[in-house]
Amino acid sequence: MRIRLLAFATAADALGSERDLDLPSGATVAVLRDLLLADFPALGRLWPRLAIAINGRLVRLEEEIPEGAEVALLPPVSGGAPEADPVGNRAALTDDAIDVAAISNAVAGPGRGAIVLFLGTVRNAHAGREVTALTYSAYRRMAEQKLREIVADLEAHSTDLRAAIVHRLGDVPVGEPSVAIAIASPHRAAAYEASRTALERLKAEVPIWKRERYADGSEVWREEEPLGVGRDPYSESPTTQTRNPASSSGQDLPSDFSSTSAEGSPPSATALRNARKPGASAPFSPPRR
């Protein structure tokens, strides 16, 4: 059988961004792993950090791959909807500069007295090195779906809350926003809380990668948050979520983010942990060979 293999960020560096592969009928992700590691030894050091998606859904090693599937290799992340989707274009990826006013207007309403706006902007330095730009790439199919899920979850959790998340792809110069999150609610506490939760979920669940570009001409992928199967967004405080031990940054917010709030205060550090959802499975972590 034939499948379409997609790879992103450091995985794409190791084997190319996409290719067609022939596999034996009934092959599992584990079989695919063994074949890839035999043909692309450089992938071996990356595999324990990868998550695998089949047709936009995260899976485990024992999952059988169907004929004609799209299989994506997803390293840890940095961080046009269907017409029938109630979230619509309030959860989107864009290749253009973010229209901040439009995002704020999309969530405003006469009964929503608080609007919190978070802008993640590109900073000019990281770890003592001068940064000139960030380049973002995404697994669009899955990223757009995850953004809509986050917005829908936030709105379902709080009465009359409206949310919007827009992330920019491609090259983003220093000083320009790479992500905008707008939350409107009848009361500011719920808006602050939802804004913080939206950012933490974006960084942990949405397959978007960033490549940091430096003034000396060098560049590097920033891969910090491992994607996971069945991750429970309400099970722990965002400030205590486990980070990849290989991360070069232990900060709660990534180095390229600065926060702007419509009410002049930082978002609440309290997660929605009191709304714990039962039955969530452990994060996906492929075993080392």
C-alpha atoms as a PDB file:
ATOM      1  CA  MET A   1       0.000   0.000   0.000  1.00  0.00           C
ATOM      2  CA  ARG A   2       1.082   3.588  -0.562  1.00  0.00           C
ATOM      3  CA  ILE A   3       1.029   6.430   1.984  1.00  0.00           C
ATOM      4  CA  ARG A   4       1.999  10.103   1.959  1.00  0.00           C
ATOM      5  CA  LEU A   5       4.663  10.968   4.537  1.00  0.00           C
ATOM      6  CA  LEU A   6       5.018  14.554   5.785  1.00  0.00           C
ATOM      7  CA  ALA A   7       7.821  15.794   8.041  1.00  0.00           C
ATOM      8  CA  PHE A   8       8.318  19.134   9.744  1.00  0.00           C
ATOM      9  CA  ALA A   9      11.127  21.203  11.278  1.00  0.00           C
ATOM     10  CA  THR A  10      14.092  19.007  12.339  1.00  0.00           C
ATOM     11  CA  ALA A  11      12.363  15.868  11.024  1.00  0.00           C
ATOM     12  CA  ALA A  12      12.161  17.504   7.583  1.00  0.00           C
ATOM     13  CA  ASP A  13      15.861  18.363   7.818  1.00  0.00           C
ATOM     14  CA  ALA A  14      16.590  14.658   8.352  1.00  0.00           C
ATOM     15  CA  LEU A  15      14.513  13.129   5.523  1.00  0.00           C
ATOM     16  CA  GLY A  16      12.846  15.870   3.456  1.00  0.00           C
ATOM     17  CA  SER A  17       9.473  17.516   3.883  1.00  0.00           C
ATOM     18  CA  GLU A  18       7.269  15.014   2.004  1.00  0.00           C
ATOM     19  CA  ARG A  19       7.421  11.796   0.022  1.00  0.00           C
ATOM     20  CA  ASP A  20       5.305   8.828  -1.056  1.00  0.00           C
ATOM     21  CA  LEU A  21       6.136   5.504   0.600  1.00  0.00           C
ATOM     22  CA  ASP A  22       5.123   1.914  -0.075  1.00  0.00           C
ATOM     23  CA  LEU A  23       4.378  -0.163   3.019  1.00  0.00           C
ATOM     24  CA  PRO A  24       3.155  -3.728   3.526  1.00  0.00           C
ATOM     25  CA  SER A  25      -0.594  -3.989   3.979  1.00  0.00           C
ATOM     26  CA  GLY A  26      -1.581  -3.702   7.635  1.00  0.00           C
ATOM     27  CA  ALA A  27       1.670  -1.966   8.627  1.00  0.00           C
ATOM     28  CA  THR A  28       1.658  -0.140  11.951  1.00  0.00           C
ATOM     29  CA  VAL A  29       3.445   3.042  12.971  1.00  0.00           C
ATOM     30  CA  ALA A  30       6.105   0.844  14.576  1.00  0.00           C
ATOM     31  CA  VAL A  31       6.755  -0.830  11.204  1.00  0.00           C
ATOM     32  CA  LEU A  32       7.034   2.584   9.554  1.00  0.00           C
ATOM     33  CA  ARG A  33       9.471   3.667  12.269  1.00  0.00           C
ATOM     34  CA  ASP A  34      11.737   0.679  11.665  1.00  0.00           C
ATOM     35  CA  LEU A  35      11.770   1.255   7.898  1.00  0.00           C
ATOM     36  CA  LEU A  36      12.531   4.953   8.267  1.00  0.00           C
ATOM     37  CA  LEU A  37      15.316   4.445  10.778  1.00  0.00           C
ATOM     38  CA  ALA A  38      16.949   1.894   8.460  1.00  0.00           C
ATOM     39  CA  ASP A  39      16.865   4.315   5.505  1.00  0.00           C
ATOM     40  CA  PHE A  40      17.487   7.554   7.413  1.00  0.00           C
ATOM     41  CA  PRO A  41      19.857   6.926  10.348  1.00  0.00           C
ATOM     42  CA  ALA A  42      19.892  10.657  11.216  1.00  0.00           C
ATOM     43  CA  LEU A  43      16.244  10.282  12.233  1.00  0.00           C
ATOM     44  CA  GLY A  44      17.243   7.932  15.070  1.00  0.00           C
ATOM     45  CA  ARG A  45      18.210  10.651  17.527  1.00  0.00           C
ATOM     46  CA  LEU A  46      14.996  12.562  16.758  1.00  0.00           C
ATOM     47  CA  TRP A  47      12.450   9.728  16.890  1.00  0.00           C
ATOM     48  CA  PRO A  48      12.054   9.582  20.697  1.00  0.00           C
ATOM     49  CA  ARG A  49      10.919  13.249  20.589  1.00  0.00           C
ATOM     50  CA  LEU A  50       8.435  12.872  17.722  1.00  0.00           C
ATOM     51  CA  ALA A  51       4.669  12.602  17.806  1.00  0.00           C
ATOM     52  CA  ILE A  52       2.954  10.846  14.891  1.00  0.00           C
ATOM     53  CA  ALA A  53      -0.322  11.867  13.266  1.00  0.00           C
ATOM     54  CA  ILE A  54      -2.394   9.889  10.767  1.00  0.00           C
ATOM     55  CA  ASN A  55      -4.799  12.037   8.748  1.00  0.00           C
ATOM     56  CA  GLY A  56      -4.509  14.826  11.313  1.00  0.00           C
ATOM     57  CA  ARG A  57      -5.010  12.643  14.418  1.00  0.00           C
ATOM     58  CA  LEU A  58      -2.255  11.828  16.918  1.00  0.00           C
ATOM     59  CA  VAL A  59      -1.652   8.085  17.270  1.00  0.00           C
ATOM     60  CA  ARG A  60       0.509   5.554  19.090  1.00  0.00           C
ATOM     61  CA  LEU A  61       3.035   3.055  17.733  1.00  0.00           C
ATOM     62  CA  GLU A  62       0.561   0.163  17.589  1.00  0.00           C
ATOM     63  CA  GLU A  63      -1.860   2.084  15.344  1.00  0.00           C
ATOM     64  CA  GLU A  64      -2.438   0.450  11.936  1.00  0.00           C
ATOM     65  CA  ILE A  65      -1.878   2.754   8.965  1.00  0.00           C
ATOM     66  CA  PRO A  66      -4.680   2.699   6.364  1.00  0.00           C
ATOM     67  CA  GLU A  67      -4.151   2.683   2.595  1.00  0.00           C
ATOM     68  CA  GLY A  68      -3.574   6.187   1.198  1.00  0.00           C
ATOM     69  CA  ALA A  69      -3.081   7.766   4.626  1.00  0.00           C
ATOM     70  CA  GLU A  70      -1.296  11.032   5.275  1.00  0.00           C
ATOM     71  CA  VAL A  71       1.252  10.357   8.025  1.00  0.00           C
ATOM     72  CA  ALA A  72       2.998  13.296   9.689  1.00  0.00           C
ATOM     73  CA  LEU A  73       6.174  13.292  11.797  1.00  0.00           C
ATOM     74  CA  LEU A  74       5.784  16.078  14.355  1.00  0.00           C
ATOM     75  CA  PRO A  75       8.707  17.322  16.475  1.00  0.00           C
ATOM     76  CA  PRO A  76       8.016  19.218  19.695  1.00  0.00           C
ATOM     77  CA  VAL A  77       6.451  22.593  18.925  1.00  0.00           C
ATOM     78  CA  SER A  78       7.780  26.021  19.813  1.00  0.00           C
ATOM     79  CA  GLY A  79       3.540  26.623  19.934  1.00  0.00           C
ATOM     80  CA  GLY A  80     -10.177  29.192   6.684  1.00  0.00           C
ATOM     81  CA  ALA A  81     -12.596  27.172   8.736  1.00  0.00           C
ATOM     82  CA  PRO A  82     -15.511  25.277   7.227  1.00  0.00           C
ATOM     83  CA  GLU A  83     -18.629  27.390   6.851  1.00  0.00           C
ATOM     84  CA  ALA A  84     -20.615  25.185   9.241  1.00  0.00           C
ATOM     85  CA  ASP A  85     -17.979  25.596  11.971  1.00  0.00           C
ATOM     86  CA  PRO A  86     -19.392  27.912  14.683  1.00  0.00           C
ATOM     87  CA  VAL A  87     -15.871  29.103  15.550  1.00  0.00           C
ATOM     88  CA  GLY A  88     -15.329  30.244  11.951  1.00  0.00           C
ATOM     89  CA  ASN A  89     -12.396  32.537  11.245  1.00  0.00           C
ATOM     90  CA  ARG A  90     -11.892  33.298  14.932  1.00  0.00           C
ATOM     91  CA  ALA A  91      -9.366  30.431  14.891  1.00  0.00           C
ATOM     92  CA  ALA A  92      -7.021  30.807  11.958  1.00  0.00           C
ATOM     93  CA  LEU A  93      -3.551  30.702  10.456  1.00  0.00           C
ATOM     94  CA  THR A  94      -2.431  33.586   8.261  1.00  0.00           C
ATOM     95  CA  ASP A  95       0.488  34.236   5.936  1.00  0.00           C
ATOM     96  CA  ASP A  96      -0.004  37.991   6.283  1.00  0.00           C
ATOM     97  CA  ALA A  97       0.447  40.522   9.066  1.00  0.00           C
ATOM     98  CA  ILE A  98      -2.122  40.033  11.834  1.00  0.00           C
ATOM     99  CA  ASP A  99      -4.998  42.523  11.862  1.00  0.00           C
ATOM    100  CA  VAL A 100      -5.195  43.125  15.610  1.00  0.00           C
ATOM    101  CA  ALA A 101      -8.228  45.422  15.456  1.00  0.00           C
ATOM    102  CA  ALA A 102     -10.217  42.872  13.462  1.00  0.00           C
ATOM    103  CA  ILE A 103      -9.490  40.141  16.011  1.00  0.00           C
ATOM    104  CA  SER A 104     -10.586  42.333  18.905  1.00  0.00           C
ATOM    105  CA  ASN A 105     -13.763  43.308  17.051  1.00  0.00           C
ATOM    106  CA  ALA A 106     -14.527  39.638  16.327  1.00  0.00           C
ATOM    107  CA  VAL A 107     -15.006  38.895  20.044  1.00  0.00           C
ATOM    108  CA  ALA A 108     -16.634  42.139  21.194  1.00  0.00           C
ATOM    109  CA  GLY A 109     -20.278  42.231  22.227  1.00  0.00           C
ATOM    110  CA  PRO A 110     -22.648  44.481  24.198  1.00  0.00           C
ATOM    111  CA  GLY A 111     -22.771  42.060  27.134  1.00  0.00           C
ATOM    112  CA  ARG A 112     -19.004  41.475  27.298  1.00  0.00           C
ATOM    113  CA  GLY A 113     -17.526  44.189  29.502  1.00  0.00           C
ATOM    114  CA  ALA A 114     -13.926  42.894  29.481  1.00  0.00           C
ATOM    115  CA  ILE A 115     -11.662  42.316  26.483  1.00  0.00           C
ATOM    116  CA  VAL A 116      -8.176  40.917  27.073  1.00  0.00           C
ATOM    117  CA  LEU A 117      -5.798  41.050  24.105  1.00  0.00           C
ATOM    118  CA  PHE A 118      -2.519  39.103  24.100  1.00  0.00           C
ATOM    119  CA  LEU A 119       0.059  39.793  21.391  1.00  0.00           C
ATOM    120  CA  GLY A 120       3.097  37.562  21.040  1.00  0.00           C
ATOM    121  CA  THR A 121       5.714  39.738  19.316  1.00  0.00           C
ATOM    122  CA  VAL A 122       9.155  38.813  18.017  1.00  0.00           C
ATOM    123  CA  ARG A 123      11.923  40.020  20.320  1.00  0.00           C
ATOM    124  CA  ASN A 124      15.350  41.127  19.110  1.00  0.00           C
ATOM    125  CA  ALA A 125      17.413  38.786  21.282  1.00  0.00           C
ATOM    126  CA  HIS A 126      17.430  35.323  22.819  1.00  0.00           C
ATOM    127  CA  ALA A 127      20.024  33.826  25.188  1.00  0.00           C
ATOM    128  CA  GLY A 128      22.398  36.699  24.507  1.00  0.00           C
ATOM    129  CA  ARG A 129      22.174  36.413  20.709  1.00  0.00           C
ATOM    130  CA  GLU A 130      20.741  39.071  18.390  1.00  0.00           C
ATOM    131  CA  VAL A 131      17.607  37.819  16.624  1.00  0.00           C
ATOM    132  CA  THR A 132      16.578  39.329  13.271  1.00  0.00           C
ATOM    133  CA  ALA A 133      13.401  37.324  12.565  1.00  0.00           C
ATOM    134  CA  LEU A 134      11.451  34.142  13.268  1.00  0.00           C
ATOM    135  CA  THR A 135      10.151  31.816  10.568  1.00  0.00           C
ATOM    136  CA  TYR A 136       7.038  29.807  11.443  1.00  0.00           C
ATOM    137  CA  SER A 137       5.788  26.654   9.723  1.00  0.00           C
ATOM    138  CA  ALA A 138       2.809  24.440  10.544  1.00  0.00           C
ATOM    139  CA  TYR A 139       1.044  21.214   9.784  1.00  0.00           C
ATOM    140  CA  ARG A 140      -1.927  23.290   8.603  1.00  0.00           C
ATOM    141  CA  ARG A 141      -4.564  20.588   8.547  1.00  0.00           C
ATOM    142  CA  MET A 142      -4.037  19.643  12.181  1.00  0.00           C
ATOM    143  CA  ALA A 143      -3.085  23.129  13.424  1.00  0.00           C
ATOM    144  CA  GLU A 144      -6.322  24.709  12.192  1.00  0.00           C
ATOM    145  CA  GLN A 145      -8.362  21.895  13.741  1.00  0.00           C
ATOM    146  CA  LYS A 146      -6.581  22.275  17.093  1.00  0.00           C
ATOM    147  CA  LEU A 147      -7.045  26.056  17.140  1.00  0.00           C
ATOM    148  CA  ARG A 148     -10.788  25.596  16.600  1.00  0.00           C
ATOM    149  CA  GLU A 149     -10.903  23.004  19.396  1.00  0.00           C
ATOM    150  CA  ILE A 150      -9.208  25.385  21.827  1.00  0.00           C
ATOM    151  CA  VAL A 151     -11.559  28.246  20.997  1.00  0.00           C
ATOM    152  CA  ALA A 152     -14.627  25.986  21.247  1.00  0.00           C
ATOM    153  CA  ASP A 153     -13.475  24.577  24.619  1.00  0.00           C
ATOM    154  CA  LEU A 154     -12.871  28.038  26.075  1.00  0.00           C
ATOM    155  CA  GLU A 155     -16.281  29.271  24.963  1.00  0.00           C
ATOM    156  CA  ALA A 156     -18.062  26.175  26.275  1.00  0.00           C
ATOM    157  CA  HIS A 157     -16.429  26.566  29.681  1.00  0.00           C
ATOM    158  CA  SER A 158     -17.587  30.113  30.470  1.00  0.00           C
ATOM    159  CA  THR A 159     -20.963  31.784  29.892  1.00  0.00           C
ATOM    160  CA  ASP A 160     -20.982  34.337  27.049  1.00  0.00           C
ATOM    161  CA  LEU A 161     -17.210  34.200  26.629  1.00  0.00           C
ATOM    162  CA  ARG A 162     -15.968  34.731  23.065  1.00  0.00           C
ATOM    163  CA  ALA A 163     -12.422  33.813  21.953  1.00  0.00           C
ATOM    164  CA  ALA A 164     -10.227  34.319  18.897  1.00  0.00           C
ATOM    165  CA  ILE A 165      -6.734  32.988  18.120  1.00  0.00           C
ATOM    166  CA  VAL A 166      -4.772  33.893  14.992  1.00  0.00           C
ATOM    167  CA  HIS A 167      -1.194  32.712  14.340  1.00  0.00           C
ATOM    168  CA  ARG A 168       1.035  34.056  11.596  1.00  0.00           C
ATOM    169  CA  LEU A 169       3.201  31.753   9.451  1.00  0.00           C
ATOM    170  CA  GLY A 170       6.295  32.474   7.365  1.00  0.00           C
ATOM    171  CA  ASP A 171       8.872  35.153   8.197  1.00  0.00           C
ATOM    172  CA  VAL A 172       7.932  37.506  11.049  1.00  0.00           C
ATOM    173  CA  PRO A 173      10.297  40.462  11.620  1.00  0.00           C
ATOM    174  CA  VAL A 174      11.349  41.752  15.031  1.00  0.00           C
ATOM    175  CA  GLY A 175       8.602  43.815  16.652  1.00  0.00           C
ATOM    176  CA  GLU A 176       5.675  42.316  14.718  1.00  0.00           C
ATOM    177  CA  PRO A 177       3.072  39.945  16.240  1.00  0.00           C
ATOM    178  CA  SER A 178       3.324  36.261  15.501  1.00  0.00           C
ATOM    179  CA  VAL A 179       0.179  35.394  17.458  1.00  0.00           C
ATOM    180  CA  ALA A 180      -2.865  37.282  18.720  1.00  0.00           C
ATOM    181  CA  ILE A 181      -5.352  35.994  21.291  1.00  0.00           C
ATOM    182  CA  ALA A 182      -8.479  38.012  22.040  1.00  0.00           C
ATOM    183  CA  ILE A 183     -10.907  37.068  24.801  1.00  0.00           C
ATOM    184  CA  ALA A 184     -14.147  38.907  25.606  1.00  0.00           C
ATOM    185  CA  SER A 185     -16.256  38.097  28.658  1.00  0.00           C
ATOM    186  CA  PRO A 186     -18.832  39.767  30.903  1.00  0.00           C
ATOM    187  CA  HIS A 187     -16.162  39.860  33.661  1.00  0.00           C
ATOM    188  CA  ARG A 188     -12.380  40.373  33.548  1.00  0.00           C
ATOM    189  CA  ALA A 189     -11.377  37.373  35.727  1.00  0.00           C
ATOM    190  CA  ALA A 190     -12.758  34.855  33.229  1.00  0.00           C
ATOM    191  CA  ALA A 191     -11.161  36.756  30.341  1.00  0.00           C
ATOM    192  CA  TYR A 192      -7.700  36.795  31.972  1.00  0.00           C
ATOM    193  CA  GLU A 193      -7.951  33.103  32.841  1.00  0.00           C
ATOM    194  CA  ALA A 194      -9.064  32.074  29.351  1.00  0.00           C
ATOM    195  CA  SER A 195      -6.305  34.152  27.726  1.00  0.00           C
ATOM    196  CA  ARG A 196      -3.603  32.383  29.719  1.00  0.00           C
ATOM    197  CA  THR A 197      -5.135  28.955  29.094  1.00  0.00           C
ATOM    198  CA  ALA A 198      -5.412  29.669  25.350  1.00  0.00           C
ATOM    199  CA  LEU A 199      -1.715  30.525  25.123  1.00  0.00           C
ATOM    200  CA  GLU A 200      -0.560  27.495  27.114  1.00  0.00           C
ATOM    201  CA  ARG A 201      -2.699  25.140  25.020  1.00  0.00           C
ATOM    202  CA  LEU A 202      -1.523  26.774  21.797  1.00  0.00           C
ATOM    203  CA  LYS A 203       2.113  26.204  22.760  1.00  0.00           C
ATOM    204  CA  ALA A 204       1.524  22.595  23.877  1.00  0.00           C
ATOM    205  CA  GLU A 205      -1.025  21.224  21.394  1.00  0.00           C
ATOM    206  CA  VAL A 206      -0.834  23.034  18.051  1.00  0.00           C
ATOM    207  CA  PRO A 207       1.769  21.764  15.537  1.00  0.00           C
ATOM    208  CA  ILE A 208       3.498  25.053  14.744  1.00  0.00           C
ATOM    209  CA  TRP A 209       7.294  25.334  14.668  1.00  0.00           C
ATOM    210  CA  LYS A 210       9.602  28.324  14.708  1.00  0.00           C
ATOM    211  CA  ARG A 211      13.088  28.770  13.300  1.00  0.00           C
ATOM    212  CA  GLU A 212      15.089  31.489  15.007  1.00  0.00           C
ATOM    213  CA  ARG A 213      17.287  33.574  12.697  1.00  0.00           C
ATOM    214  CA  TYR A 214      20.304  35.426  14.094  1.00  0.00           C
ATOM    215  CA  ALA A 215      22.297  38.494  13.054  1.00  0.00           C
ATOM    216  CA  ASP A 216      25.404  36.358  12.437  1.00  0.00           C
ATOM    217  CA  GLY A 217      23.545  34.454   9.679  1.00  0.00           C
ATOM    218  CA  SER A 218      22.952  31.266  11.667  1.00  0.00           C
ATOM    219  CA  GLU A 219      19.532  29.813  12.462  1.00  0.00           C
ATOM    220  CA  VAL A 220      18.078  27.083  14.651  1.00  0.00           C
ATOM    221  CA  TRP A 221      14.756  25.311  15.227  1.00  0.00           C
ATOM    222  CA  ARG A 222      13.235  25.959  18.661  1.00  0.00           C
ATOM    223  CA  GLU A 223      11.492  22.706  19.657  1.00  0.00           C
ATOM    224  CA  GLU A 224      10.370  22.676  23.277  1.00  0.00           C
ATOM    225  CA  GLU A 225       6.836  21.320  23.847  1.00  0.00           C
ATOM    226  CA  PRO A 226       6.216  17.648  22.915  1.00  0.00           C
ATOM    227  CA  LEU A 227       2.831  17.081  21.324  1.00  0.00           C
ATOM    228  CA  GLY A 228       0.713  14.438  23.057  1.00  0.00           C
ATOM    229  CA  VAL A 229      -2.200  12.052  22.572  1.00  0.00           C
ATOM    230  CA  GLY A 230      -5.144  12.743  24.868  1.00  0.00           C
ATOM    231  CA  ARG A 231      -3.548  15.695  26.660  1.00  0.00           C
ATOM    232  CA  ASP A 232      -5.900  17.056  29.354  1.00  0.00           C
ATOM    233  CA  PRO A 233      -5.799  20.876  29.226  1.00  0.00           C
ATOM    234  CA  TYR A 234      -7.491  21.207  32.631  1.00  0.00           C
ATOM    235  CA  SER A 235      -5.422  18.709  34.608  1.00  0.00           C
ATOM    236  CA  GLU A 236      -2.642  21.028  35.800  1.00  0.00           C
ATOM    237  CA  SER A 237      -1.700  24.663  36.121  1.00  0.00           C
ATOM    238  CA  PRO A 238      -0.052  26.099  33.004  1.00  0.00           C
ATOM    239  CA  THR A 239       2.891  27.263  35.110  1.00  0.00           C
ATOM    240  CA  THR A 240       3.668  23.697  36.228  1.00  0.00           C
ATOM    241  CA  GLN A 241       3.277  21.751  32.987  1.00  0.00           C
ATOM    242  CA  THR A 242       6.229  19.460  32.215  1.00  0.00           C
ATOM    243  CA  ARG A 243       8.565  20.898  29.589  1.00  0.00           C
ATOM    244  CA  ASN A 244      10.936  18.991  27.329  1.00  0.00           C
ATOM    245  CA  PRO A 245      14.219  18.508  29.243  1.00  0.00           C
ATOM    246  CA  ALA A 246      16.104  19.355  26.055  1.00  0.00           C
ATOM    247  CA  SER A 247      14.545  22.836  26.059  1.00  0.00           C
ATOM    248  CA  SER A 248      16.945  25.741  26.176  1.00  0.00           C
ATOM    249  CA  SER A 249      14.369  27.834  28.030  1.00  0.00           C
ATOM    250  CA  GLY A 250      12.519  27.112  31.265  1.00  0.00           C
ATOM    251  CA  GLN A 251      10.418  30.267  31.094  1.00  0.00           C
ATOM    252  CA  ASP A 252       6.634  30.053  31.411  1.00  0.00           C
ATOM    253  CA  LEU A 253       6.275  32.292  28.351  1.00  0.00           C
ATOM    254  CA  PRO A 254       8.519  31.823  25.292  1.00  0.00           C
ATOM    255  CA  SER A 255      11.299  34.332  24.633  1.00  0.00           C
ATOM    256  CA  ASP A 256       9.586  35.909  21.642  1.00  0.00           C
ATOM    257  CA  PHE A 257       6.407  36.780  23.556  1.00  0.00           C
ATOM    258  CA  SER A 258       5.497  40.054  25.208  1.00  0.00           C
ATOM    259  CA  SER A 259       1.981  40.550  26.582  1.00  0.00           C
ATOM    260  CA  THR A 260      -0.431  43.426  26.019  1.00  0.00           C
ATOM    261  CA  SER A 261      -3.697  43.547  27.974  1.00  0.00           C
ATOM    262  CA  ALA A 262      -6.668  45.793  27.313  1.00  0.00           C
ATOM    263  CA  GLU A 263      -6.952  46.351  31.070  1.00  0.00           C
ATOM    264  CA  GLY A 264      -3.219  46.805  31.722  1.00  0.00           C
ATOM    265  CA  SER A 265      -2.669  43.661  33.861  1.00  0.00           C
ATOM    266  CA  PRO A 266      -1.056  40.304  33.053  1.00  0.00           C
ATOM    267  CA  PRO A 267      -3.343  37.303  32.614  1.00  0.00           C
ATOM    268  CA  SER A 268      -4.139  35.247  35.698  1.00  0.00           C
ATOM    269  CA  ALA A 269      -1.750  32.379  36.373  1.00  0.00           C
ATOM    270  CA  THR A 270      -4.654  30.186  37.506  1.00  0.00           C
ATOM    271  CA  ALA A 271      -5.589  27.472  35.024  1.00  0.00           C
ATOM    272  CA  LEU A 272      -9.031  25.983  34.634  1.00  0.00           C
ATOM    273  CA  ARG A 273      -7.928  23.156  36.906  1.00  0.00           C
ATOM    274  CA  ASN A 274     -11.182  23.102  38.876  1.00  0.00           C
ATOM    275  CA  ALA A 275     -12.975  21.823  35.776  1.00  0.00           C
ATOM    276  CA  ARG A 276     -10.954  18.619  35.638  1.00  0.00           C
ATOM    277  CA  LYS A 277     -12.052  16.281  32.873  1.00  0.00           C
ATOM    278  CA  PRO A 278     -12.104  12.541  33.690  1.00  0.00           C
ATOM    279  CA  GLY A 279     -10.566   9.832  31.569  1.00  0.00           C
ATOM    280  CA  ALA A 280      -7.667  11.662  29.906  1.00  0.00           C
ATOM    281  CA  SER A 281      -4.845   9.399  28.825  1.00  0.00           C
ATOM    282  CA  ALA A 282      -1.150  10.031  29.380  1.00  0.00           C
ATOM    283  CA  PRO A 283       0.834  12.096  26.846  1.00  0.00           C
ATOM    284  CA  PHE A 284       2.276  10.163  23.901  1.00  0.00           C
ATOM    285  CA  SER A 285       5.982   9.410  24.234  1.00  0.00           C
ATOM    286  CA  PRO A 286       7.420   6.979  21.669  1.00  0.00           C
ATOM    287  CA  PRO A 287       9.858   4.564  23.352  1.00  0.00           C
ATOM    288  CA  ARG A 288      13.566   4.667  22.597  1.00  0.00           C
ATOM    289  CA  ARG A 289      14.825   1.805  20.503  1.00  0.00           C
END
